[in-house]
Protein backbone atom coordinates (compact mmCIF):
# COMPACT_ATOMS: atom_id res chain seq x y z
CA MET A 1 -16.21 -18.95 8.04
CA ASP A 2 -15.78 -16.88 4.98
CA TYR A 3 -15.30 -18.38 1.77
CA ARG A 4 -12.51 -17.00 -0.58
CA VAL A 5 -13.76 -15.70 -4.06
CA VAL A 6 -11.84 -16.38 -7.01
CA TRP A 7 -12.55 -15.24 -10.57
CA THR A 8 -11.61 -17.26 -13.40
CA ARG A 9 -10.21 -15.87 -16.58
CA GLY A 10 -13.27 -16.81 -18.43
CA ALA A 11 -15.35 -14.70 -16.02
CA ILE A 12 -13.17 -11.98 -15.94
CA ALA A 13 -13.19 -11.73 -19.85
CA ASN A 14 -16.90 -11.95 -19.80
CA LEU A 15 -17.01 -8.86 -17.23
CA THR A 16 -14.56 -6.95 -19.41
CA ASP A 17 -16.83 -7.58 -22.57
CA ILE A 18 -19.92 -6.77 -20.83
CA ALA A 19 -18.38 -3.42 -19.59
CA GLU A 20 -17.27 -2.50 -23.20
CA TYR A 21 -20.71 -3.47 -24.76
CA VAL A 22 -22.60 -1.38 -22.34
CA LYS A 23 -20.07 1.44 -22.42
CA ARG A 24 -20.96 2.07 -26.20
CA ASP A 25 -24.44 3.34 -25.18
CA SER A 26 -23.65 4.66 -21.52
CA PRO A 27 -19.98 4.75 -19.97
CA TYR A 28 -22.18 5.56 -16.71
CA TYR A 29 -24.44 2.62 -16.91
CA ALA A 30 -21.25 0.37 -17.81
CA SER A 31 -19.78 1.38 -14.64
CA VAL A 32 -23.03 0.66 -12.57
CA VAL A 33 -23.39 -2.73 -14.16
CA VAL A 34 -19.67 -3.70 -13.36
CA PHE A 35 -20.06 -2.34 -9.91
CA LYS A 36 -23.21 -4.29 -9.15
CA ILE A 37 -21.71 -7.70 -10.21
CA ARG A 38 -18.53 -7.19 -8.42
CA THR A 39 -20.47 -6.25 -5.28
CA ALA A 40 -22.70 -9.30 -5.89
CA ALA A 41 -19.61 -11.42 -6.09
CA ARG A 42 -18.05 -10.09 -3.01
CA SER A 43 -21.14 -11.01 -1.11
CA LEU A 44 -20.77 -14.69 -1.59
CA LYS A 45 -17.99 -14.88 0.80
CA LYS A 46 -20.38 -14.77 3.60
CA TYR A 47 -23.40 -16.34 1.88
CA PRO A 48 -22.65 -18.68 -0.92
CA TYR A 49 -25.92 -20.49 -0.67
CA ARG A 50 -28.24 -17.50 -0.85
CA ALA A 51 -28.49 -17.78 -4.59
CA HIS A 52 -30.67 -20.08 -6.86
CA ARG A 53 -29.41 -23.34 -8.22
CA MET A 54 -28.60 -22.92 -11.98
CA ARG A 55 -31.69 -23.78 -14.03
CA GLU A 56 -30.02 -25.89 -16.58
CA LEU A 57 -28.30 -28.31 -13.74
CA ASP A 58 -29.31 -29.99 -10.75
CA ASP A 59 -25.98 -29.37 -8.72
CA ASN A 60 -26.15 -27.80 -5.43
CA GLN A 61 -22.72 -26.32 -5.90
CA LEU A 62 -23.42 -24.53 -9.19
CA ARG A 63 -25.34 -21.47 -8.68
CA GLU A 64 -26.26 -18.05 -10.14
CA ILE A 65 -27.22 -14.53 -9.24
CA VAL A 66 -28.95 -12.36 -11.80
CA ILE A 67 -27.75 -8.83 -11.98
CA TYR A 68 -29.87 -6.50 -14.31
CA ASP A 69 -29.82 -8.56 -17.49
CA TYR A 70 -26.75 -10.84 -16.68
CA ARG A 71 -26.11 -14.30 -14.74
CA LEU A 72 -23.39 -14.30 -12.49
CA ILE A 73 -22.57 -18.22 -12.36
CA TYR A 74 -20.30 -19.66 -9.75
CA GLU A 75 -19.41 -22.84 -8.12
CA ILE A 76 -18.99 -23.63 -4.16
CA PHE A 77 -15.98 -25.73 -3.14
CA GLU A 78 -16.35 -26.79 0.53
CA GLY A 79 -13.40 -28.07 2.69
CA GLU A 80 -10.55 -26.70 4.81
CA GLN A 81 -10.03 -23.66 2.70
CA PRO A 82 -13.72 -23.20 1.19
CA ARG A 83 -13.93 -20.94 -2.03
CA ILE A 84 -16.30 -19.53 -4.69
CA GLU A 85 -15.27 -19.64 -8.20
CA ILE A 86 -16.91 -17.15 -10.57
CA LEU A 87 -17.16 -19.21 -13.79
CA MET A 88 -18.92 -16.83 -16.15
CA ILE A 89 -21.23 -13.92 -16.71
CA VAL A 90 -23.64 -14.50 -19.41
CA HIS A 91 -26.95 -12.78 -20.60
CA SER A 92 -29.95 -13.91 -18.53
CA ALA A 93 -31.67 -14.87 -21.66
CA ARG A 94 -29.15 -17.18 -22.56
CA MET A 95 -29.66 -20.94 -21.80
CA LEU A 96 -26.29 -22.88 -21.31
CA GLN A 97 -25.27 -26.56 -22.37
CA SER A 98 -23.98 -28.57 -19.83
CA ASP A 99 -20.59 -28.83 -21.77
CA GLU A 100 -20.25 -25.11 -21.38
CA PHE A 101 -19.30 -25.76 -17.38
CA LEU A 102 -15.71 -26.42 -17.76
CA ARG A 103 -14.77 -26.66 -14.20
CA ASN A 104 -11.13 -25.41 -14.88
CA ASN A 105 -12.46 -22.31 -16.81
């Protein structure tokens, strides 16, 4: 059974900001980064548990995939209609505080 992948507004804003930032130096590389992030997110519909748990939290449902210098952070929801929520995309050097994980992002 496939999971439905849903992007939060915050994650969409993060992706837009990343694209704009990278585009200043290289429009081509910006398109590559966005493509890789979107492809990684789509791949979660079949294999949501393939990624690592987040280093800040001990929660099996909160996971991350590192793409280039960015962490795609998502939450897995099981049930009758399983889904993945893309919560945020942040620079990989950034450590997050637990209060930054607003589940209704």
